[in-house]
Each structure stands twice: as structure tokens, then as C-alpha cells.
């Protein structure tokens, strides 16, 4: 009888491993999301610097070549910010999917552990009843 609870305990251990793997993956995804957010922040700072430089150049009356260069660079940083914003959104989506995967793995682990514990308890009760019945039989003889 104990084999059933042992098999279920092995499945529960497998579920614990799956939960750990999902938690590890979630941590990696969270770190990637943070890095992508940091990169976006840096790009926004560059974009602001070029916008400020462009504004100062317009006020100070710089040459046409320099003005064109500043506009081009500011356009590139603006496009880079848009692209990075999409990467951040993708990273957030991946993190959320990872969070749901971990929650599912966690829930499955709990179910298997509860099942294994309940089966062990019932098996122990059956064994205890059988032993008690045997003792009762022996004492009646």
C-alpha cells in the first residue's frame, strides 16, 4: 500500500522541481525586464539631450550643417526610444507569462503534496487499524 503514496510523493517532488524551474525562469525574465527598462531610460536621456541641444542651437543660431546633424541624431534617438519601448513591453509580457507559469506550477505542486499527504495519512490509518485488529484477535485467543 505504501507504494501508492511513494509514487505520489515522487510526482510531488517532480512538481516541486518544475516549480523551482518556473521560479528561476521568472527571476531571469524579471532581470531582463529591468535591463530593458534601464536601457529605455538611458535612451530617453540621450533623446532629451539632443532635443535640448537642438533647442540651444536654434536659439544661438548655428550653421545649417550642424542643425541638420542635431535633427538627424534627435530623430534617431527618438526612433530608438520607440523601438526600446516595444522591447520593454515585450519583456513585460514575457515576465507576466512567466509569472502565470510559476503560479500554475506552484498550484500543481500544492495539489500533489496535499494528495500525497492525504494518501499517506489514509495508508497509515489502514495499517494502524490492521495492527489493532491483529492485536485484538491475539488478545481474544
N, C-alpha and C. Protein backbone atom coordinates (compact mmCIF):
# COMPACT_ATOMS: atom_id res chain seq x y z
N UNK A 1 0.80 -1.19 0.00
CA UNK A 1 0.00 0.00 0.00
C UNK A 1 0.85 1.27 0.00
N UNK A 2 1.97 1.21 0.68
CA UNK A 2 2.83 2.39 0.79
C UNK A 2 3.39 2.81 -0.57
N UNK A 3 3.37 1.89 -1.55
CA UNK A 3 3.93 2.23 -2.86
C UNK A 3 3.13 3.34 -3.53
N UNK A 4 1.82 3.33 -3.34
CA UNK A 4 0.99 4.38 -3.95
C UNK A 4 1.41 5.74 -3.43
N UNK A 5 1.60 5.85 -2.12
CA UNK A 5 1.98 7.15 -1.56
C UNK A 5 3.40 7.51 -1.98
N UNK A 6 4.29 6.51 -2.12
CA UNK A 6 5.65 6.80 -2.59
C UNK A 6 5.64 7.31 -4.02
N UNK A 7 4.82 6.69 -4.86
CA UNK A 7 4.73 7.15 -6.26
C UNK A 7 4.18 8.57 -6.31
N UNK A 8 3.17 8.83 -5.52
CA UNK A 8 2.60 10.17 -5.48
C UNK A 8 3.60 11.18 -4.92
N UNK A 9 4.38 10.74 -3.94
CA UNK A 9 5.42 11.62 -3.39
C UNK A 9 6.48 11.92 -4.45
N UNK A 10 6.78 10.94 -5.29
CA UNK A 10 7.74 11.18 -6.38
C UNK A 10 7.18 12.21 -7.37
N UNK A 11 5.89 12.10 -7.66
CA UNK A 11 5.26 13.07 -8.54
C UNK A 11 5.25 14.46 -7.90
N UNK A 12 5.02 14.51 -6.61
CA UNK A 12 5.05 15.79 -5.90
C UNK A 12 6.46 16.40 -5.97
N UNK A 13 7.48 15.56 -5.84
CA UNK A 13 8.87 16.05 -5.94
C UNK A 13 9.13 16.58 -7.34
N UNK A 14 8.60 15.90 -8.34
CA UNK A 14 8.74 16.39 -9.72
C UNK A 14 8.06 17.74 -9.87
N UNK A 15 6.90 17.89 -9.29
CA UNK A 15 6.19 19.18 -9.34
C UNK A 15 6.98 20.27 -8.61
N UNK A 16 7.64 19.91 -7.50
CA UNK A 16 8.48 20.90 -6.79
C UNK A 16 9.60 21.36 -7.71
N UNK A 17 10.21 20.42 -8.44
CA UNK A 17 11.30 20.77 -9.36
C UNK A 17 10.78 21.66 -10.48
N UNK A 18 9.60 21.34 -10.99
CA UNK A 18 9.01 22.18 -12.04
C UNK A 18 8.72 23.58 -11.52
N UNK A 19 8.26 23.66 -10.28
CA UNK A 19 8.00 24.97 -9.69
C UNK A 19 9.30 25.76 -9.53
N UNK A 20 10.34 25.09 -9.08
CA UNK A 20 11.64 25.75 -8.94
C UNK A 20 12.15 26.25 -10.29
N UNK A 21 12.02 25.42 -11.32
CA UNK A 21 12.43 25.84 -12.66
C UNK A 21 11.63 27.06 -13.13
N UNK A 22 10.33 27.05 -12.87
CA UNK A 22 9.49 28.18 -13.26
C UNK A 22 9.87 29.44 -12.48
N UNK A 23 10.21 29.29 -11.21
CA UNK A 23 10.62 30.44 -10.39
C UNK A 23 11.95 31.00 -10.89
N UNK A 24 12.86 30.11 -11.27
CA UNK A 24 14.16 30.54 -11.80
C UNK A 24 13.96 31.30 -13.11
N UNK A 25 13.11 30.76 -13.97
CA UNK A 25 12.83 31.42 -15.25
C UNK A 25 12.17 32.78 -15.01
N UNK A 26 11.26 32.85 -14.05
CA UNK A 26 10.61 34.13 -13.73
C UNK A 26 11.64 35.15 -13.26
N UNK A 27 12.59 34.73 -12.46
CA UNK A 27 13.64 35.65 -11.99
C UNK A 27 14.46 36.17 -13.17
N UNK A 28 14.81 35.27 -14.09
CA UNK A 28 15.57 35.70 -15.29
C UNK A 28 14.77 36.70 -16.11
N UNK A 29 13.50 36.40 -16.30
CA UNK A 29 12.65 37.30 -17.09
C UNK A 29 12.52 38.66 -16.41
N UNK A 30 12.40 38.66 -15.09
CA UNK A 30 12.31 39.92 -14.35
C UNK A 30 13.58 40.75 -14.50
N UNK A 31 14.73 40.08 -14.44
CA UNK A 31 16.01 40.78 -14.62
C UNK A 31 16.11 41.37 -16.02
N UNK A 32 15.67 40.61 -17.02
CA UNK A 32 15.71 41.11 -18.39
C UNK A 32 14.80 42.31 -18.55
N UNK A 33 13.64 42.25 -17.93
CA UNK A 33 12.71 43.37 -18.00
C UNK A 33 13.35 44.62 -17.38
N UNK A 34 14.02 44.46 -16.25
CA UNK A 34 14.70 45.60 -15.61
C UNK A 34 15.79 46.18 -16.51
N UNK A 35 16.57 45.29 -17.13
CA UNK A 35 17.64 45.78 -18.03
C UNK A 35 17.06 46.54 -19.22
N UNK A 36 15.98 46.01 -19.78
CA UNK A 36 15.35 46.70 -20.91
C UNK A 36 14.82 48.07 -20.47
N UNK A 37 14.25 48.14 -19.27
CA UNK A 37 13.77 49.42 -18.75
C UNK A 37 14.91 50.40 -18.52
N UNK A 38 16.04 49.90 -18.02
CA UNK A 38 17.21 50.77 -17.82
C UNK A 38 17.71 51.33 -19.15
N UNK A 39 17.74 50.46 -20.17
CA UNK A 39 18.17 50.92 -21.49
C UNK A 39 17.23 51.98 -22.04
N UNK A 40 15.94 51.79 -21.83
CA UNK A 40 14.97 52.79 -22.28
C UNK A 40 15.21 54.12 -21.58
N UNK A 41 15.48 54.07 -20.29
CA UNK A 41 15.75 55.30 -19.55
C UNK A 41 16.98 56.02 -20.11
N UNK A 42 18.02 55.27 -20.39
CA UNK A 42 19.23 55.88 -20.96
C UNK A 42 18.94 56.51 -22.32
N UNK A 43 18.19 55.80 -23.15
CA UNK A 43 17.85 56.35 -24.47
C UNK A 43 17.01 57.61 -24.34
N UNK A 44 16.11 57.64 -23.39
CA UNK A 44 15.30 58.84 -23.19
C UNK A 44 16.17 60.02 -22.75
N UNK A 45 17.18 59.72 -21.92
CA UNK A 45 18.10 60.79 -21.51
C UNK A 45 18.87 61.33 -22.72
N UNK A 46 19.35 60.43 -23.59
CA UNK A 46 20.03 60.87 -24.81
C UNK A 46 19.08 61.69 -25.68
N UNK A 47 17.85 61.22 -25.81
CA UNK A 47 16.86 61.93 -26.63
C UNK A 47 16.64 63.33 -26.07
N UNK A 48 16.53 63.44 -24.75
CA UNK A 48 16.34 64.76 -24.13
C UNK A 48 17.56 65.65 -24.35
N UNK A 49 18.76 65.08 -24.27
CA UNK A 49 19.98 65.86 -24.50
C UNK A 49 20.01 66.40 -25.93
N UNK A 50 19.69 65.59 -26.90
CA UNK A 50 19.69 66.06 -28.30
C UNK A 50 18.58 67.08 -28.53
N UNK A 51 17.42 66.90 -27.89
CA UNK A 51 16.35 67.89 -28.02
C UNK A 51 16.78 69.22 -27.41
N UNK A 52 17.45 69.15 -26.23
CA UNK A 52 17.95 70.38 -25.61
C UNK A 52 19.02 71.02 -26.47
N UNK A 53 19.91 70.17 -27.03
CA UNK A 53 20.96 70.69 -27.91
C UNK A 53 20.39 71.33 -29.15
N UNK A 54 19.34 70.74 -29.68
CA UNK A 54 18.68 71.30 -30.86
C UNK A 54 18.04 72.65 -30.51
N UNK A 55 17.40 72.72 -29.34
CA UNK A 55 16.79 73.99 -28.91
C UNK A 55 17.84 75.07 -28.71
N UNK A 56 18.97 74.71 -28.09
CA UNK A 56 20.04 75.68 -27.88
C UNK A 56 20.64 76.11 -29.20
N UNK A 57 20.77 75.19 -30.12
CA UNK A 57 21.33 75.52 -31.43
C UNK A 57 20.43 76.48 -32.18
N UNK A 58 19.12 76.27 -32.06
CA UNK A 58 18.18 77.17 -32.74
C UNK A 58 18.24 78.57 -32.13
N UNK A 59 18.41 78.66 -30.82
CA UNK A 59 18.48 79.97 -30.16
C UNK A 59 19.79 80.68 -30.46
N UNK A 60 20.86 79.91 -30.56
CA UNK A 60 22.18 80.51 -30.75
C UNK A 60 22.52 80.71 -32.21
N UNK A 61 21.71 80.20 -33.08
CA UNK A 61 21.95 80.39 -34.50
C UNK A 61 23.16 79.66 -35.03
N UNK A 62 23.18 78.36 -34.97
CA UNK A 62 24.29 77.58 -35.50
C UNK A 62 24.10 77.38 -36.99
N UNK A 63 25.14 76.85 -37.61
CA UNK A 63 25.11 76.62 -39.05
C UNK A 63 24.12 75.54 -39.44
N UNK A 64 23.75 75.59 -40.69
CA UNK A 64 22.76 74.66 -41.22
C UNK A 64 23.22 73.21 -41.13
N UNK A 65 24.51 72.98 -41.37
CA UNK A 65 25.04 71.61 -41.30
C UNK A 65 24.89 71.03 -39.89
N UNK A 66 25.26 71.81 -38.90
CA UNK A 66 25.17 71.36 -37.50
C UNK A 66 23.71 71.15 -37.10
N UNK A 67 22.84 72.04 -37.54
CA UNK A 67 21.42 71.93 -37.24
C UNK A 67 20.84 70.64 -37.83
N UNK A 68 21.21 70.34 -39.06
CA UNK A 68 20.74 69.11 -39.72
C UNK A 68 21.25 67.88 -38.97
N UNK A 69 22.50 67.94 -38.53
CA UNK A 69 23.09 66.81 -37.79
C UNK A 69 22.35 66.59 -36.47
N UNK A 70 22.07 67.67 -35.76
CA UNK A 70 21.34 67.55 -34.49
C UNK A 70 19.93 67.00 -34.70
N UNK A 71 19.25 67.45 -35.75
CA UNK A 71 17.91 66.94 -36.05
C UNK A 71 17.94 65.46 -36.40
N UNK A 72 18.95 65.07 -37.17
CA UNK A 72 19.09 63.68 -37.56
C UNK A 72 19.33 62.81 -36.32
N UNK A 73 20.24 63.25 -35.47
CA UNK A 73 20.55 62.49 -34.26
C UNK A 73 19.35 62.42 -33.33
N UNK A 74 18.64 63.54 -33.20
CA UNK A 74 17.46 63.55 -32.33
C UNK A 74 16.39 62.63 -32.91
N UNK A 75 16.24 62.57 -34.19
CA UNK A 75 15.30 61.64 -34.83
C UNK A 75 15.70 60.18 -34.58
N UNK A 76 17.00 59.91 -34.65
CA UNK A 76 17.47 58.55 -34.40
C UNK A 76 17.24 58.13 -32.95
N UNK A 77 17.54 59.03 -32.03
CA UNK A 77 17.32 58.67 -30.62
C UNK A 77 15.83 58.51 -30.33
N UNK A 78 14.99 59.32 -31.00
CA UNK A 78 13.55 59.19 -30.80
C UNK A 78 13.06 57.83 -31.33
N UNK A 79 13.52 57.43 -32.50
CA UNK A 79 13.14 56.12 -33.05
C UNK A 79 13.68 54.99 -32.17
N UNK A 80 14.89 55.16 -31.66
CA UNK A 80 15.46 54.15 -30.77
C UNK A 80 14.63 54.02 -29.49
N UNK A 81 14.14 55.14 -28.98
CA UNK A 81 13.28 55.11 -27.78
C UNK A 81 11.98 54.35 -28.08
N UNK A 82 11.40 54.61 -29.24
CA UNK A 82 10.17 53.90 -29.62
C UNK A 82 10.43 52.40 -29.71
N UNK A 83 11.51 52.04 -30.35
CA UNK A 83 11.86 50.63 -30.51
C UNK A 83 12.13 49.98 -29.14
N UNK A 84 12.84 50.69 -28.29
CA UNK A 84 13.14 50.15 -26.95
C UNK A 84 11.88 50.03 -26.12
N UNK A 85 10.95 50.96 -26.30
CA UNK A 85 9.68 50.89 -25.57
C UNK A 85 8.95 49.61 -25.96
N UNK A 86 9.00 49.23 -27.24
CA UNK A 86 8.38 47.97 -27.67
C UNK A 86 9.09 46.78 -27.03
N UNK A 87 10.42 46.86 -26.91
CA UNK A 87 11.16 45.78 -26.25
C UNK A 87 10.78 45.66 -24.78
N UNK A 88 10.60 46.80 -24.13
CA UNK A 88 10.19 46.79 -22.72
C UNK A 88 8.81 46.15 -22.59
N UNK A 89 7.89 46.51 -23.48
CA UNK A 89 6.54 45.93 -23.44
C UNK A 89 6.61 44.42 -23.67
N UNK A 90 7.45 43.99 -24.60
CA UNK A 90 7.61 42.55 -24.84
C UNK A 90 8.18 41.86 -23.61
N UNK A 91 9.16 42.48 -22.97
CA UNK A 91 9.77 41.91 -21.77
C UNK A 91 8.73 41.82 -20.64
N UNK A 92 7.88 42.83 -20.54
CA UNK A 92 6.83 42.80 -19.52
C UNK A 92 5.85 41.67 -19.79
N UNK A 93 5.51 41.48 -21.07
CA UNK A 93 4.61 40.37 -21.43
C UNK A 93 5.24 39.02 -21.09
N UNK A 94 6.52 38.86 -21.41
CA UNK A 94 7.21 37.60 -21.11
C UNK A 94 7.27 37.37 -19.60
N UNK A 95 7.52 38.43 -18.85
CA UNK A 95 7.56 38.31 -17.39
C UNK A 95 6.20 37.90 -16.85
N UNK A 96 5.15 38.49 -17.39
CA UNK A 96 3.80 38.14 -16.92
C UNK A 96 3.48 36.69 -17.28
N UNK A 97 3.85 36.24 -18.46
CA UNK A 97 3.63 34.83 -18.81
C UNK A 97 4.44 33.92 -17.88
N UNK A 98 5.65 34.33 -17.56
CA UNK A 98 6.48 33.57 -16.62
C UNK A 98 5.87 33.52 -15.24
N UNK A 99 5.27 34.63 -14.83
CA UNK A 99 4.61 34.68 -13.52
C UNK A 99 3.41 33.73 -13.49
N UNK A 100 2.64 33.72 -14.58
CA UNK A 100 1.49 32.80 -14.64
C UNK A 100 1.97 31.35 -14.66
N UNK A 101 3.06 31.07 -15.38
CA UNK A 101 3.61 29.71 -15.42
C UNK A 101 4.05 29.27 -14.02
N UNK A 102 4.70 30.18 -13.29
CA UNK A 102 5.12 29.85 -11.93
C UNK A 102 3.91 29.60 -11.03
N UNK A 103 2.89 30.46 -11.15
CA UNK A 103 1.70 30.29 -10.33
C UNK A 103 1.03 28.94 -10.60
N UNK A 104 0.98 28.55 -11.87
CA UNK A 104 0.41 27.25 -12.23
C UNK A 104 1.24 26.12 -11.64
N UNK A 105 2.57 26.22 -11.78
CA UNK A 105 3.45 25.18 -11.23
C UNK A 105 3.32 25.11 -9.71
N UNK A 106 3.20 26.25 -9.07
CA UNK A 106 3.04 26.31 -7.62
C UNK A 106 1.73 25.63 -7.20
N UNK A 107 0.67 25.93 -7.91
CA UNK A 107 -0.63 25.35 -7.59
C UNK A 107 -0.60 23.83 -7.80
N UNK A 108 0.02 23.37 -8.88
CA UNK A 108 0.11 21.93 -9.13
C UNK A 108 0.92 21.23 -8.04
N UNK A 109 2.02 21.86 -7.64
CA UNK A 109 2.84 21.27 -6.57
C UNK A 109 2.02 21.11 -5.30
N UNK A 110 1.30 22.15 -4.94
CA UNK A 110 0.49 22.09 -3.72
C UNK A 110 -0.55 20.98 -3.78
N UNK A 111 -1.19 20.85 -4.94
CA UNK A 111 -2.20 19.80 -5.09
C UNK A 111 -1.57 18.43 -4.91
N UNK A 112 -0.44 18.19 -5.56
CA UNK A 112 0.21 16.89 -5.45
C UNK A 112 0.69 16.63 -4.02
N UNK A 113 1.22 17.64 -3.36
CA UNK A 113 1.66 17.45 -1.98
C UNK A 113 0.48 17.14 -1.06
N UNK A 114 -0.64 17.82 -1.27
CA UNK A 114 -1.82 17.55 -0.45
C UNK A 114 -2.35 16.14 -0.72
N UNK A 115 -2.36 15.75 -1.99
CA UNK A 115 -2.80 14.39 -2.32
C UNK A 115 -1.89 13.35 -1.68
N UNK A 116 -0.59 13.56 -1.79
CA UNK A 116 0.37 12.60 -1.22
C UNK A 116 0.22 12.53 0.29
N UNK A 117 0.05 13.68 0.92
CA UNK A 117 -0.11 13.70 2.37
C UNK A 117 -1.40 12.99 2.79
N UNK A 118 -2.48 13.23 2.08
CA UNK A 118 -3.75 12.58 2.40
C UNK A 118 -3.66 11.07 2.20
N UNK A 119 -3.02 10.64 1.11
CA UNK A 119 -2.87 9.21 0.86
C UNK A 119 -1.99 8.56 1.93
N UNK A 120 -0.90 9.22 2.32
CA UNK A 120 -0.05 8.70 3.40
C UNK A 120 -0.83 8.56 4.69
N UNK A 121 -1.63 9.55 5.00
CA UNK A 121 -2.42 9.53 6.23
C UNK A 121 -3.42 8.37 6.19
N UNK A 122 -4.11 8.18 5.07
CA UNK A 122 -5.06 7.08 4.96
C UNK A 122 -4.36 5.73 5.03
N UNK A 123 -3.19 5.62 4.38
CA UNK A 123 -2.44 4.37 4.44
C UNK A 123 -1.99 4.08 5.87
N UNK A 124 -1.52 5.11 6.56
CA UNK A 124 -1.09 4.93 7.96
C UNK A 124 -2.28 4.51 8.82
N UNK A 125 -3.44 5.10 8.57
CA UNK A 125 -4.63 4.73 9.34
C UNK A 125 -5.02 3.28 9.07
N UNK A 126 -4.95 2.85 7.80
CA UNK A 126 -5.27 1.45 7.47
C UNK A 126 -4.31 0.49 8.16
N UNK A 127 -3.03 0.83 8.13
CA UNK A 127 -2.02 -0.02 8.78
C UNK A 127 -2.29 -0.08 10.28
N UNK A 128 -2.57 1.08 10.88
CA UNK A 128 -2.84 1.12 12.33
C UNK A 128 -4.08 0.30 12.67
N UNK A 129 -5.14 0.38 11.84
CA UNK A 129 -6.35 -0.41 12.07
C UNK A 129 -6.07 -1.90 11.94
N UNK A 130 -5.30 -2.27 10.91
CA UNK A 130 -4.95 -3.67 10.71
C UNK A 130 -4.15 -4.20 11.90
N UNK A 131 -3.17 -3.41 12.35
CA UNK A 131 -2.37 -3.83 13.51
C UNK A 131 -3.24 -3.95 14.76
N UNK A 132 -4.16 -3.01 14.92
CA UNK A 132 -5.06 -3.05 16.07
C UNK A 132 -5.97 -4.28 15.99
N UNK A 133 -6.48 -4.58 14.79
CA UNK A 133 -7.31 -5.77 14.61
C UNK A 133 -6.53 -7.03 14.94
N UNK A 134 -5.26 -7.09 14.51
CA UNK A 134 -4.42 -8.25 14.80
C UNK A 134 -4.18 -8.38 16.30
N UNK A 135 -3.93 -7.25 16.96
CA UNK A 135 -3.75 -7.28 18.42
C UNK A 135 -5.03 -7.72 19.12
N UNK A 136 -6.16 -7.25 18.65
CA UNK A 136 -7.45 -7.64 19.24
C UNK A 136 -7.68 -9.13 19.06
N UNK A 137 -7.34 -9.65 17.87
CA UNK A 137 -7.50 -11.08 17.62
C UNK A 137 -6.60 -11.90 18.54
N UNK A 138 -5.37 -11.44 18.70
CA UNK A 138 -4.43 -12.15 19.56
C UNK A 138 -4.87 -12.12 21.02
N UNK A 139 -5.41 -10.98 21.43
CA UNK A 139 -5.81 -10.87 22.84
C UNK A 139 -7.06 -11.69 23.13
N UNK A 140 -7.88 -11.99 22.14
CA UNK A 140 -9.08 -12.77 22.34
C UNK A 140 -8.78 -14.27 22.38
N UNK A 141 -7.63 -14.68 21.96
CA UNK A 141 -7.27 -16.10 21.94
C UNK A 141 -6.75 -16.57 23.23
